[in-house]
Amino acid sequence: DLTQAEAQLRAAEGLLAKSDLECYGLKDDIRYLQQNLKQVKDMNSSLKMSVETLQKQKTMIEEELQKTSQVLHEKMEALEAERMKLSAEQSASAQLQRSLRREQRRGRTAQALQAASRQR
């Protein structure tokens, strides 16, 4: 009976030693997983900061684009107004040139009539 108890004790000690080894292995696995978890958390934090930085840059670029678009729109309106002004000035100039030519023709006609009446 004693030998059977000793055998059971040795078997229990063997199981205990095996359990201790498995426990140490599991503790090592837990430490490894905790290190990996810390690395993942660090990378996640770094990625969040990168995303926030990119979002800020995107917002700044969008604001700058909006300002540039507004300036471009205003300059296009100013250019269109200037083009219309130049077109009106060209039209007025052409009208003056036509009037001047008409007056010159009338003047030549009057001179010719005066010359003809002097010859009579």
Foldseek 3Di string as FASTA:
>chain_A
DVVVVVVVVVVVVVVVVVVVVVVVVVVVVVVVVVVVVVVVVVVVVVVVVVVVVVVVVVVVVVVVVVVVVVVVVVVVVVVVVVVVVVVVVVVVVVVVVVVVVVVVVVVVVVVVVVVVVVVD
